[in-house]
Each structure stands twice: as C-alpha cells, then as structure tokens.
Amino acid sequence: MIHVWYIVEEGAPGLKLNAPLFEGVKDANALVRGTWGAAPADGLEPQDGDFVVEKMRMNAWQDTRLEIARCAGSASTTLIVTGAWTNMSDRAHRP
C-alpha cells in the first residue's frame, strides 16, 4: 500500500498558488506537516509495510519518491488511485 499525502511546511513556502485550492491551503494555514490537518483520516493510517510519499504539488509523481515506492520490490501491475482531485494525479506520468 502506498499512501500519498499532500503537505506544506509552516507558512507554505514554495507553494504554487495556481489554483483556488492552494490559495485556500495557504490562507487557512492548512495541511501543515505535523498538524492535525495533515494527519490521515481515522482508519486510514499507514500499517506496517506501507509506504508514505509526501507531495507538495498537485502531481504525486513530481519531485516525490512515488516511482521508487511503486517499483520497490513490487510485482504489482495495478495502480488504484483514490482521493480528492484524482483526475489530476497522473497528468505528467503514464507508467
């Protein structure tokens, strides 16, 4: 299982404000690493053996370790993407 978490640092330095969603993240000081807002929902916490990838862009493949996690010893040929804005999650990557 691979978990991809959208996080920002305090004050959202480097956050691209190219969509209202990101402007809201900055304005609300939301999704800050280590805070309640960046924690997984109850019941969706990573389990032993799961891999967590943190992203700071819309695309989970850009500047993350997702490709490493996907390929790390896995014989899996299926990728199931769930969550918010999943239609944007693989725009720049088609494995």
C-alpha atoms as a PDB file:
ATOM      1  CA  MET A   1       0.000   0.000   0.000  1.00  0.00           C
ATOM      2  CA  ILE A   2       1.286   3.428  -0.898  1.00  0.00           C
ATOM      3  CA  HIS A   3      -0.135   6.498   0.837  1.00  0.00           C
ATOM      4  CA  VAL A   4       0.358   9.879  -0.819  1.00  0.00           C
ATOM      5  CA  TRP A   5      -0.079  12.845   1.497  1.00  0.00           C
ATOM      6  CA  TYR A   6      -0.293  16.458   0.416  1.00  0.00           C
ATOM      7  CA  ILE A   7       1.599  18.535   2.981  1.00  0.00           C
ATOM      8  CA  VAL A   8       3.092  22.001   3.298  1.00  0.00           C
ATOM      9  CA  GLU A   9       5.568  23.492   5.712  1.00  0.00           C
ATOM     10  CA  GLU A  10       4.510  26.213   8.174  1.00  0.00           C
ATOM     11  CA  GLY A  11       3.676  29.355   6.177  1.00  0.00           C
ATOM     12  CA  ALA A  12       3.535  27.318   2.931  1.00  0.00           C
ATOM     13  CA  PRO A  13       6.884  28.489   1.496  1.00  0.00           C
ATOM     14  CA  GLY A  14       7.247  27.486  -2.138  1.00  0.00           C
ATOM     15  CA  LEU A  15       3.577  26.618  -2.539  1.00  0.00           C
ATOM     16  CA  LYS A  16       2.410  27.390  -6.065  1.00  0.00           C
ATOM     17  CA  LEU A  17      -0.768  29.445  -5.878  1.00  0.00           C
ATOM     18  CA  ASN A  18      -2.012  28.419  -9.314  1.00  0.00           C
ATOM     19  CA  ALA A  19      -5.403  27.116  -8.143  1.00  0.00           C
ATOM     20  CA  PRO A  20      -8.003  28.234  -5.582  1.00  0.00           C
ATOM     21  CA  LEU A  21      -7.380  25.013  -3.642  1.00  0.00           C
ATOM     22  CA  PHE A  22      -3.764  26.023  -2.989  1.00  0.00           C
ATOM     23  CA  GLU A  23      -4.719  29.592  -2.115  1.00  0.00           C
ATOM     24  CA  GLY A  24      -7.106  28.148   0.484  1.00  0.00           C
ATOM     25  CA  VAL A  25      -4.368  25.922   1.902  1.00  0.00           C
ATOM     26  CA  LYS A  26      -2.114  28.932   2.389  1.00  0.00           C
ATOM     27  CA  ASP A  27      -4.838  31.273   3.709  1.00  0.00           C
ATOM     28  CA  ALA A  28      -6.058  28.688   6.260  1.00  0.00           C
ATOM     29  CA  ASN A  29      -2.555  27.539   7.211  1.00  0.00           C
ATOM     30  CA  ALA A  30      -3.864  24.056   6.412  1.00  0.00           C
ATOM     31  CA  LEU A  31      -2.167  20.718   5.748  1.00  0.00           C
ATOM     32  CA  VAL A  32       0.954  21.750   7.677  1.00  0.00           C
ATOM     33  CA  ARG A  33       3.310  18.852   8.362  1.00  0.00           C
ATOM     34  CA  GLY A  34       2.863  17.509  11.896  1.00  0.00           C
ATOM     35  CA  THR A  35      -0.534  19.112  12.499  1.00  0.00           C
ATOM     36  CA  TRP A  36      -3.997  17.610  12.784  1.00  0.00           C
ATOM     37  CA  GLY A  37      -4.889  18.886   9.300  1.00  0.00           C
ATOM     38  CA  ALA A  38      -2.096  16.891   7.671  1.00  0.00           C
ATOM     39  CA  ALA A  39      -2.840  13.646   9.508  1.00  0.00           C
ATOM     40  CA  PRO A  40      -4.578  10.732   7.777  1.00  0.00           C
ATOM     41  CA  ALA A  41      -8.256  10.177   8.497  1.00  0.00           C
ATOM     42  CA  ASP A  42      -9.058   7.725  11.266  1.00  0.00           C
ATOM     43  CA  GLY A  43      -8.820   4.191   9.937  1.00  0.00           C
ATOM     44  CA  LEU A  44      -6.584   5.174   7.017  1.00  0.00           C
ATOM     45  CA  GLU A  45      -3.310   5.311   8.929  1.00  0.00           C
ATOM     46  CA  PRO A  46      -0.353   3.517   7.345  1.00  0.00           C
ATOM     47  CA  GLN A  47       0.182  -0.045   8.510  1.00  0.00           C
ATOM     48  CA  ASP A  48       3.460  -1.929   8.866  1.00  0.00           C
ATOM     49  CA  GLY A  49       4.981  -2.346   5.410  1.00  0.00           C
ATOM     50  CA  ASP A  50       3.078   0.574   3.871  1.00  0.00           C
ATOM     51  CA  PHE A  51       4.999   3.345   2.127  1.00  0.00           C
ATOM     52  CA  VAL A  52       4.217   7.048   2.696  1.00  0.00           C
ATOM     53  CA  VAL A  53       5.004   9.609  -0.010  1.00  0.00           C
ATOM     54  CA  GLU A  54       4.651  13.297   0.801  1.00  0.00           C
ATOM     55  CA  LYS A  55       3.903  15.683  -2.016  1.00  0.00           C
ATOM     56  CA  MET A  56       3.799  19.457  -2.255  1.00  0.00           C
ATOM     57  CA  ARG A  57       2.445  19.660  -5.805  1.00  0.00           C
ATOM     58  CA  MET A  58      -0.762  18.521  -7.435  1.00  0.00           C
ATOM     59  CA  ASN A  59       1.026  15.733  -9.277  1.00  0.00           C
ATOM     60  CA  ALA A  60       2.115  12.955  -6.913  1.00  0.00           C
ATOM     61  CA  TRP A  61       4.879  11.876  -9.320  1.00  0.00           C
ATOM     62  CA  GLN A  62       6.598  15.286  -9.479  1.00  0.00           C
ATOM     63  CA  ASP A  63       9.529  15.665  -7.071  1.00  0.00           C
ATOM     64  CA  THR A  64       8.476  12.725  -4.856  1.00  0.00           C
ATOM     65  CA  ARG A  65       9.571   9.162  -4.153  1.00  0.00           C
ATOM     66  CA  LEU A  66       6.397   7.666  -5.646  1.00  0.00           C
ATOM     67  CA  GLU A  67       8.142   5.921  -8.535  1.00  0.00           C
ATOM     68  CA  ILE A  68      10.604   4.335  -6.106  1.00  0.00           C
ATOM     69  CA  ALA A  69       7.755   3.203  -3.858  1.00  0.00           C
ATOM     70  CA  ARG A  70       5.789   1.799  -6.777  1.00  0.00           C
ATOM     71  CA  CYS A  71       8.725  -0.199  -8.062  1.00  0.00           C
ATOM     72  CA  ALA A  72      10.329  -1.224  -4.756  1.00  0.00           C
ATOM     73  CA  GLY A  73      10.105  -4.990  -4.828  1.00  0.00           C
ATOM     74  CA  SER A  74       6.559  -4.991  -6.109  1.00  0.00           C
ATOM     75  CA  ALA A  75       5.272  -7.378  -8.715  1.00  0.00           C
ATOM     76  CA  SER A  76       2.027  -5.428  -8.840  1.00  0.00           C
ATOM     77  CA  THR A  77       0.762  -4.319 -12.230  1.00  0.00           C
ATOM     78  CA  THR A  78      -2.270  -2.422 -10.928  1.00  0.00           C
ATOM     79  CA  LEU A  79      -2.406   1.110  -9.582  1.00  0.00           C
ATOM     80  CA  ILE A  80      -5.652   2.252  -7.929  1.00  0.00           C
ATOM     81  CA  VAL A  81      -5.851   5.971  -7.225  1.00  0.00           C
ATOM     82  CA  THR A  82      -8.383   7.355  -4.741  1.00  0.00           C
ATOM     83  CA  GLY A  83      -8.887  10.701  -3.057  1.00  0.00           C
ATOM     84  CA  ALA A  84      -9.512  14.290  -3.996  1.00  0.00           C
ATOM     85  CA  TRP A  85      -8.669  15.551  -7.475  1.00  0.00           C
ATOM     86  CA  THR A  86      -7.646  12.092  -8.705  1.00  0.00           C
ATOM     87  CA  ASN A  87      -8.235  13.254 -12.265  1.00  0.00           C
ATOM     88  CA  MET A  88      -5.102  15.396 -11.841  1.00  0.00           C
ATOM     89  CA  SER A  89      -2.898  12.842 -10.096  1.00  0.00           C
ATOM     90  CA  ASP A  90      -1.193  11.295 -13.102  1.00  0.00           C
ATOM     91  CA  ARG A  91      -1.156  14.088 -15.673  1.00  0.00           C
ATOM     92  CA  ALA A  92       2.591  14.016 -16.235  1.00  0.00           C
ATOM     93  CA  HIS A  93       3.189  10.306 -15.707  1.00  0.00           C
ATOM     94  CA  ARG A  94       1.795   7.370 -17.556  1.00  0.00           C
ATOM     95  CA  PRO A  95       3.646   4.188 -16.398  1.00  0.00           C
END
